[in-house]
PDB file of N, CA and C in Angstrom:
ATOM      1  N   MET A   1     120.461  -2.314  23.443  1.00  0.00           N
ATOM      2  CA  MET A   1     120.492  -0.968  23.934  1.00  0.00           C
ATOM      3  C   MET A   1     120.211  -0.919  25.440  1.00  0.00           C
ATOM      4  N   ARG A   2     119.422  -1.859  25.932  1.00  0.00           N
ATOM      5  CA  ARG A   2     119.105  -1.883  27.365  1.00  0.00           C
ATOM      6  C   ARG A   2     120.318  -2.204  28.213  1.00  0.00           C
ATOM      7  N   TRP A   3     121.271  -2.908  27.679  1.00  0.00           N
ATOM      8  CA  TRP A   3     122.448  -3.295  28.460  1.00  0.00           C
ATOM      9  C   TRP A   3     123.279  -2.085  28.846  1.00  0.00           C
ATOM     10  N   ILE A   4     123.140  -0.974  28.112  1.00  0.00           N
ATOM     11  CA  ILE A   4     123.889   0.243  28.448  1.00  0.00           C
ATOM     12  C   ILE A   4     123.438   0.770  29.807  1.00  0.00           C
ATOM     13  N   PHE A   5     122.153   0.615  30.116  1.00  0.00           N
ATOM     14  CA  PHE A   5     121.638   1.098  31.388  1.00  0.00           C
ATOM     15  C   PHE A   5     121.825   0.090  32.508  1.00  0.00           C
ATOM     16  N   THR A   6     121.821  -1.188  32.181  1.00  0.00           N
ATOM     17  CA  THR A   6     121.948  -2.197  33.229  1.00  0.00           C
ATOM     18  C   THR A   6     123.389  -2.493  33.590  1.00  0.00           C
ATOM     19  N   LEU A   7     124.328  -2.254  32.687  1.00  0.00           N
ATOM     20  CA  LEU A   7     125.731  -2.536  32.968  1.00  0.00           C
ATOM     21  C   LEU A   7     126.255  -1.714  34.145  1.00  0.00           C
ATOM     22  N   PRO A   8     126.016  -0.422  34.235  1.00  0.00           N
ATOM     23  CA  PRO A   8     126.495   0.322  35.417  1.00  0.00           C
ATOM     24  C   PRO A   8     125.875  -0.168  36.715  1.00  0.00           C
ATOM     25  N   LEU A   9     124.624  -0.603  36.683  1.00  0.00           N
ATOM     26  CA  LEU A   9     123.992  -1.123  37.895  1.00  0.00           C
ATOM     27  C   LEU A   9     124.642  -2.419  38.337  1.00  0.00           C
ATOM     28  N   LEU A  10     124.952  -3.272  37.384  1.00  0.00           N
ATOM     29  CA  LEU A  10     125.608  -4.530  37.727  1.00  0.00           C
ATOM     30  C   LEU A  10     127.006  -4.290  38.262  1.00  0.00           C
ATOM     31  N   LEU A  11     127.728  -3.359  37.691  1.00  0.00           N
ATOM     32  CA  LEU A  11     129.073  -3.059  38.176  1.00  0.00           C
ATOM     33  C   LEU A  11     129.034  -2.442  39.565  1.00  0.00           C
ATOM     34  N   ALA A  12     128.032  -1.620  39.840  1.00  0.00           N
ATOM     35  CA  ALA A  12     127.910  -1.013  41.164  1.00  0.00           C
ATOM     36  C   ALA A  12     127.581  -2.072  42.213  1.00  0.00           C
ATOM     37  N   ALA A  13     126.887  -3.114  41.834  1.00  0.00           N
ATOM     38  CA  ALA A  13     126.531  -4.174  42.773  1.00  0.00           C
ATOM     39  C   ALA A  13     127.723  -5.028  43.143  1.00  0.00           C
ATOM     40  N   CYS A  14     128.804  -4.955  42.406  1.00  0.00           N
ATOM     41  CA  CYS A  14     129.983  -5.773  42.684  1.00  0.00           C
ATOM     42  C   CYS A  14     130.880  -5.165  43.751  1.00  0.00           C
ATOM     43  N   GLY A  15     130.617  -3.951  44.171  1.00  0.00           N
ATOM     44  CA  GLY A  15     131.492  -3.271  45.124  1.00  0.00           C
ATOM     45  C   GLY A  15     131.269  -3.721  46.551  1.00  0.00           C
ATOM     46  N   ASP A  16     132.126  -3.192  47.446  1.00  0.00           N
ATOM     47  CA  ASP A  16     132.015  -3.462  48.870  1.00  0.00           C
ATOM     48  C   ASP A  16     130.714  -2.835  49.365  1.00  0.00           C
ATOM     49  N   PRO A  17     129.892  -3.555  50.130  1.00  0.00           N
ATOM     50  CA  PRO A  17     128.580  -3.027  50.500  1.00  0.00           C
ATOM     51  C   PRO A  17     128.657  -1.745  51.342  1.00  0.00           C
ATOM     52  N   LEU A  18     129.456  -1.729  52.382  1.00  0.00           N
ATOM     53  CA  LEU A  18     129.564  -0.555  53.231  1.00  0.00           C
ATOM     54  C   LEU A  18     131.021  -0.357  53.637  1.00  0.00           C
ATOM     55  N   PRO A  19     131.514   0.852  53.578  1.00  0.00           N
ATOM     56  CA  PRO A  19     132.892   1.077  54.026  1.00  0.00           C
ATOM     57  C   PRO A  19     132.974   1.008  55.547  1.00  0.00           C
ATOM     58  N   ASP A  20     134.148   0.697  56.048  1.00  0.00           N
ATOM     59  CA  ASP A  20     134.369   0.611  57.485  1.00  0.00           C
ATOM     60  C   ASP A  20     134.607   2.024  58.025  1.00  0.00           C
ATOM     61  N   LEU A  21     133.563   2.619  58.570  1.00  0.00           N
ATOM     62  CA  LEU A  21     133.670   3.998  59.037  1.00  0.00           C
ATOM     63  C   LEU A  21     134.324   4.105  60.408  1.00  0.00           C
ATOM     64  N   GLN A  22     134.250   3.054  61.218  1.00  0.00           N
ATOM     65  CA  GLN A  22     134.842   3.107  62.553  1.00  0.00           C
ATOM     66  C   GLN A  22     136.354   3.258  62.496  1.00  0.00           C
ATOM     67  N   SER A  23     136.987   2.702  61.477  1.00  0.00           N
ATOM     68  CA  SER A  23     138.442   2.800  61.394  1.00  0.00           C
ATOM     69  C   SER A  23     138.891   4.202  61.000  1.00  0.00           C
ATOM     70  N   ARG A  24     137.996   5.009  60.476  1.00  0.00           N
ATOM     71  CA  ARG A  24     138.351   6.372  60.079  1.00  0.00           C
ATOM     72  C   ARG A  24     138.276   7.355  61.244  1.00  0.00           C
ATOM     73  N   LEU A  25     137.636   6.976  62.328  1.00  0.00           N
ATOM     74  CA  LEU A  25     137.523   7.849  63.489  1.00  0.00           C
ATOM     75  C   LEU A  25     138.753   7.734  64.369  1.00  0.00           C
ATOM     76  N   SER A  26     139.177   8.861  64.922  1.00  0.00           N
ATOM     77  CA  SER A  26     140.309   8.825  65.847  1.00  0.00           C
ATOM     78  C   SER A  26     139.848   8.188  67.160  1.00  0.00           C
ATOM     79  N   PRO A  27     140.789   7.683  67.954  1.00  0.00           N
ATOM     80  CA  PRO A  27     140.394   7.082  69.237  1.00  0.00           C
ATOM     81  C   PRO A  27     139.677   8.072  70.159  1.00  0.00           C
ATOM     82  N   THR A  28     140.070   9.331  70.132  1.00  0.00           N
ATOM     83  CA  THR A  28     139.377  10.304  70.989  1.00  0.00           C
ATOM     84  C   THR A  28     137.956  10.542  70.510  1.00  0.00           C
ATOM     85  N   ALA A  29     137.747  10.520  69.194  1.00  0.00           N
ATOM     86  CA  ALA A  29     136.389  10.695  68.676  1.00  0.00           C
ATOM     87  C   ALA A  29     135.532   9.484  68.994  1.00  0.00           C
ATOM     88  N   GLN A  30     136.131   8.300  69.021  1.00  0.00           N
ATOM     89  CA  GLN A  30     135.359   7.097  69.331  1.00  0.00           C
ATOM     90  C   GLN A  30     134.939   7.060  70.787  1.00  0.00           C
ATOM     91  N   THR A  31     135.757   7.618  71.686  1.00  0.00           N
ATOM     92  CA  THR A  31     135.427   7.567  73.117  1.00  0.00           C
ATOM     93  C   THR A  31     134.707   8.829  73.590  1.00  0.00           C
ATOM     94  N   ALA A  32     134.524   9.807  72.718  1.00  0.00           N
ATOM     95  CA  ALA A  32     133.876  11.059  73.119  1.00  0.00           C
ATOM     96  C   ALA A  32     132.408  10.827  73.442  1.00  0.00           C
ATOM     97  N   ALA A  33     131.911  11.633  74.367  1.00  0.00           N
ATOM     98  CA  ALA A  33     130.505  11.534  74.757  1.00  0.00           C
ATOM     99  C   ALA A  33     129.637  12.167  73.679  1.00  0.00           C
ATOM    100  N   PHE A  34     128.414  11.716  73.613  1.00  0.00           N
ATOM    101  CA  PHE A  34     127.463  12.266  72.659  1.00  0.00           C
ATOM    102  C   PHE A  34     127.108  13.681  73.098  1.00  0.00           C
ATOM    103  N   PRO A  35     126.987  14.627  72.189  1.00  0.00           N
ATOM    104  CA  PRO A  35     126.660  15.999  72.596  1.00  0.00           C
ATOM    105  C   PRO A  35     125.298  16.080  73.269  1.00  0.00           C
ATOM    106  N   GLU A  36     125.184  17.020  74.196  1.00  0.00           N
ATOM    107  CA  GLU A  36     123.933  17.183  74.926  1.00  0.00           C
ATOM    108  C   GLU A  36     122.896  17.840  74.021  1.00  0.00           C
ATOM    109  N   LEU A  37     121.719  17.263  73.993  1.00  0.00           N
ATOM    110  CA  LEU A  37     120.631  17.815  73.191  1.00  0.00           C
ATOM    111  C   LEU A  37     119.926  18.906  73.988  1.00  0.00           C
ATOM    112  N   VAL A  38     119.598  19.988  73.318  1.00  0.00           N
ATOM    113  CA  VAL A  38     118.914  21.094  73.984  1.00  0.00           C
ATOM    114  C   VAL A  38     117.512  21.218  73.397  1.00  0.00           C
ATOM    115  N   PRO A  39     116.561  21.721  74.193  1.00  0.00           N
ATOM    116  CA  PRO A  39     115.204  21.906  73.676  1.00  0.00           C
ATOM    117  C   PRO A  39     115.180  22.963  72.576  1.00  0.00           C
ATOM    118  N   LEU A  40     114.342  22.772  71.620  1.00  0.00           N
ATOM    119  CA  LEU A  40     114.267  23.664  70.481  1.00  0.00           C
ATOM    120  C   LEU A  40     113.449  24.920  70.765  1.00  0.00           C
ATOM    121  N   GLY A  41     112.538  24.852  71.708  1.00  0.00           N
ATOM    122  CA  GLY A  41     111.661  25.978  72.016  1.00  0.00           C
ATOM    123  C   GLY A  41     112.394  27.255  72.379  1.00  0.00           C
ATOM    124  N   PRO A  42     113.331  27.236  73.336  1.00  0.00           N
ATOM    125  CA  PRO A  42     114.050  28.472  73.679  1.00  0.00           C
ATOM    126  C   PRO A  42     114.862  29.032  72.518  1.00  0.00           C
ATOM    127  N   LEU A  43     115.418  28.181  71.703  1.00  0.00           N
ATOM    128  CA  LEU A  43     116.176  28.663  70.553  1.00  0.00           C
ATOM    129  C   LEU A  43     115.274  29.380  69.557  1.00  0.00           C
ATOM    130  N   LEU A  44     114.092  28.836  69.344  1.00  0.00           N
ATOM    131  CA  LEU A  44     113.147  29.491  68.438  1.00  0.00           C
ATOM    132  C   LEU A  44     112.633  30.801  69.018  1.00  0.00           C
ATOM    133  N   ALA A  45     112.469  30.841  70.346  1.00  0.00           N
ATOM    134  CA  ALA A  45     112.014  32.073  70.986  1.00  0.00           C
ATOM    135  C   ALA A  45     113.062  33.172  70.821  1.00  0.00           C
ATOM    136  N   GLU A  46     114.350  32.815  70.923  1.00  0.00           N
ATOM    137  CA  GLU A  46     115.411  33.801  70.711  1.00  0.00           C
ATOM    138  C   GLU A  46     115.411  34.292  69.268  1.00  0.00           C
ATOM    139  N   ALA A  47     115.157  33.398  68.337  1.00  0.00           N
ATOM    140  CA  ALA A  47     115.128  33.803  66.930  1.00  0.00           C
ATOM    141  C   ALA A  47     113.958  34.732  66.658  1.00  0.00           C
ATOM    142  N   ASP A  48     112.830  34.507  67.319  1.00  0.00           N
ATOM    143  CA  ASP A  48     111.670  35.372  67.139  1.00  0.00           C
ATOM    144  C   ASP A  48     111.862  36.720  67.823  1.00  0.00           C
ATOM    145  N   ALA A  49     112.757  36.799  68.814  1.00  0.00           N
ATOM    146  CA  ALA A  49     112.975  38.040  69.554  1.00  0.00           C
ATOM    147  C   ALA A  49     113.806  39.039  68.759  1.00  0.00           C
ATOM    148  N   VAL A  50     114.449  38.625  67.690  1.00  0.00           N
ATOM    149  CA  VAL A  50     115.238  39.542  66.874  1.00  0.00           C
ATOM    150  C   VAL A  50     114.284  40.508  66.188  1.00  0.00           C
ATOM    151  N   PRO A  51     114.498  41.801  66.365  1.00  0.00           N
ATOM    152  CA  PRO A  51     113.555  42.745  65.750  1.00  0.00           C
ATOM    153  C   PRO A  51     113.666  42.719  64.230  1.00  0.00           C
ATOM    154  N   PRO A  52     112.550  42.803  63.554  1.00  0.00           N
ATOM    155  CA  PRO A  52     112.596  42.790  62.086  1.00  0.00           C
ATOM    156  C   PRO A  52     113.183  44.090  61.556  1.00  0.00           C
ATOM    157  N   ARG A  53     113.778  44.006  60.380  1.00  0.00           N
ATOM    158  CA  ARG A  53     114.328  45.201  59.752  1.00  0.00           C
ATOM    159  C   ARG A  53     113.190  46.041  59.192  1.00  0.00           C
ATOM    160  N   THR A  54     113.347  47.324  59.255  1.00  0.00           N
ATOM    161  CA  THR A  54     112.290  48.195  58.741  1.00  0.00           C
ATOM    162  C   THR A  54     112.462  48.381  57.243  1.00  0.00           C
ATOM    163  N   ALA A  55     111.361  48.652  56.597  1.00  0.00           N
ATOM    164  CA  ALA A  55     111.391  48.843  55.149  1.00  0.00           C
ATOM    165  C   ALA A  55     112.171  50.103  54.786  1.00  0.00           C
ATOM    166  N   GLU A  56     112.124  51.097  55.664  1.00  0.00           N
ATOM    167  CA  GLU A  56     112.837  52.348  55.383  1.00  0.00           C
ATOM    168  C   GLU A  56     114.345  52.111  55.323  1.00  0.00           C
ATOM    169  N   GLU A  57     114.868  51.359  56.311  1.00  0.00           N
ATOM    170  CA  GLU A  57     116.308  51.060  56.315  1.00  0.00           C
ATOM    171  C   GLU A  57     116.694  50.229  55.094  1.00  0.00           C
ATOM    172  N   GLU A  58     115.873  49.239  54.790  1.00  0.00           N
ATOM    173  CA  GLU A  58     116.167  48.393  53.637  1.00  0.00           C
ATOM    174  C   GLU A  58     116.119  49.188  52.348  1.00  0.00           C
ATOM    175  N   GLY A  59     115.153  50.089  52.251  1.00  0.00           N
ATOM    176  CA  GLY A  59     115.036  50.905  51.057  1.00  0.00           C
ATOM    177  C   GLY A  59     116.233  51.805  50.864  1.00  0.00           C
ATOM    178  N   GLN A  60     116.738  52.371  51.961  1.00  0.00           N
ATOM    179  CA  GLN A  60     117.910  53.233  51.865  1.00  0.00           C
ATOM    180  C   GLN A  60     119.132  52.449  51.417  1.00  0.00           C
ATOM    181  N   SER A  61     119.304  51.249  51.972  1.00  0.00           N
ATOM    182  CA  SER A  61     120.482  50.461  51.587  1.00  0.00           C
ATOM    183  C   SER A  61     120.366  49.993  50.135  1.00  0.00           C
ATOM    184  N   LEU A  62     119.153  49.681  49.681  1.00  0.00           N
ATOM    185  CA  LEU A  62     118.974  49.284  48.285  1.00  0.00           C
ATOM    186  C   LEU A  62     119.199  50.457  47.349  1.00  0.00           C
ATOM    187  N   ASP A  63     118.748  51.639  47.762  1.00  0.00           N
ATOM    188  CA  ASP A  63     118.986  52.830  46.943  1.00  0.00           C
ATOM    189  C   ASP A  63     120.479  53.119  46.824  1.00  0.00           C
ATOM    190  N   ALA A  64     121.187  52.998  47.938  1.00  0.00           N
ATOM    191  CA  ALA A  64     122.635  53.238  47.910  1.00  0.00           C
ATOM    192  C   ALA A  64     123.338  52.214  47.032  1.00  0.00           C
ATOM    193  N   ARG A  65     122.917  50.976  47.123  1.00  0.00           N
ATOM    194  CA  ARG A  65     123.547  49.937  46.311  1.00  0.00           C
ATOM    195  C   ARG A  65     123.253  50.138  44.829  1.00  0.00           C
ATOM    196  N   SER A  66     122.020  50.493  44.499  1.00  0.00           N
ATOM    197  CA  SER A  66     121.683  50.701  43.090  1.00  0.00           C
ATOM    198  C   SER A  66     122.456  51.904  42.533  1.00  0.00           C
ATOM    199  N   GLU A  67     122.627  52.961  43.337  1.00  0.00           N
ATOM    200  CA  GLU A  67     123.403  54.118  42.890  1.00  0.00           C
ATOM    201  C   GLU A  67     124.865  53.735  42.662  1.00  0.00           C
ATOM    202  N   ASP A  68     125.403  52.909  43.544  1.00  0.00           N
ATOM    203  CA  ASP A  68     126.781  52.450  43.370  1.00  0.00           C
ATOM    204  C   ASP A  68     126.923  51.599  42.115  1.00  0.00           C
ATOM    205  N   LEU A  69     125.956  50.742  41.859  1.00  0.00           N
ATOM    206  CA  LEU A  69     126.012  49.914  40.649  1.00  0.00           C
ATOM    207  C   LEU A  69     125.902  50.775  39.391  1.00  0.00           C
ATOM    208  N   ARG A  70     125.069  51.810  39.421  1.00  0.00           N
ATOM    209  CA  ARG A  70     124.974  52.715  38.271  1.00  0.00           C
ATOM    210  C   ARG A  70     126.286  53.452  38.049  1.00  0.00           C
ATOM    211  N   ARG A  71     126.919  53.890  39.136  1.00  0.00           N
ATOM    212  CA  ARG A  71     128.196  54.579  39.028  1.00  0.00           C
ATOM    213  C   ARG A  71     129.257  53.670  38.421  1.00  0.00           C
ATOM    214  N   ARG A  72     129.289  52.419  38.868  1.00  0.00           N
ATOM    215  CA  ARG A  72     130.266  51.466  38.328  1.00  0.00           C
ATOM    216  C   ARG A  72     129.974  51.145  36.867  1.00  0.00           C
ATOM    217  N   ALA A  73     128.700  51.044  36.511  1.00  0.00           N
ATOM    218  CA  ALA A  73     128.335  50.765  35.118  1.00  0.00           C
ATOM    219  C   ALA A  73     128.754  51.920  34.221  1.00  0.00           C
ATOM    220  N   ASN A  74     128.562  53.165  34.681  1.00  0.00           N
ATOM    221  CA  ASN A  74     128.989  54.315  33.893  1.00  0.00           C
ATOM    222  C   ASN A  74     130.503  54.348  33.729  1.00  0.00           C
ATOM    223  N   ALA A  75     131.232  53.970  34.779  1.00  0.00           N
ATOM    224  CA  ALA A  75     132.688  53.923  34.680  1.00  0.00           C
ATOM    225  C   ALA A  75     133.127  52.868  33.668  1.00  0.00           C
ATOM    226  N   LEU A  76     132.429  51.746  33.631  1.00  0.00           N
ATOM    227  CA  LEU A  76     132.772  50.702  32.656  1.00  0.00           C
ATOM    228  C   LEU A  76     132.428  51.140  31.232  1.00  0.00           C
ATOM    229  N   ARG A  77     131.355  51.902  31.086  1.00  0.00           N
ATOM    230  CA  ARG A  77     130.996  52.384  29.746  1.00  0.00           C
ATOM    231  C   ARG A  77     132.037  53.371  29.205  1.00  0.00           C
ATOM    232  N   ARG A  78     132.635  54.156  30.096  1.00  0.00           N
ATOM    233  CA  ARG A  78     133.646  55.120  29.680  1.00  0.00           C
ATOM    234  C   ARG A  78     134.999  54.454  29.396  1.00  0.00           C
ATOM    235  N   LEU A  79     135.154  53.225  29.829  1.00  0.00           N
ATOM    236  CA  LEU A  79     136.425  52.516  29.666  1.00  0.00           C
ATOM    237  C   LEU A  79     136.687  52.259  28.178  1.00  0.00           C
ATOM    238  N   GLN A  80     137.883  52.605  27.722  1.00  0.00           N
ATOM    239  CA  GLN A  80     138.249  52.412  26.330  1.00  0.00           C
ATOM    240  C   GLN A  80     138.853  51.026  26.159  1.00  0.00           C
ATOM    241  N   LEU A  81     138.254  50.243  25.313  1.00  0.00           N
ATOM    242  CA  LEU A  81     138.753  48.893  25.054  1.00  0.00           C
ATOM    243  C   LEU A  81     139.684  48.934  23.845  1.00  0.00           C
ATOM    244  N   PRO A  82     140.753  48.147  23.877  1.00  0.00           N
ATOM    245  CA  PRO A  82     141.696  48.151  22.743  1.00  0.00           C
ATOM    246  C   PRO A  82     141.113  47.510  21.508  1.00  0.00           C
TER     247      PRO A  82
END
């Protein structure tokens, strides 16, 4: 019974160790420069500068969505199935 678990491992060990990834890249991708790294601090500061949504706005949109879902559910209940 143990051979059922070891057989796939042995078969996987028979494969090519690593595929040749360099041959899959186009010549322009191989000669392209590495992208410039930017500091993370300013990006996080911009993300923190986004004003948070207010609970009142969220509540209104949730109320509107729930009313729409109720309307659609009532329309489906009235639907006559053959």
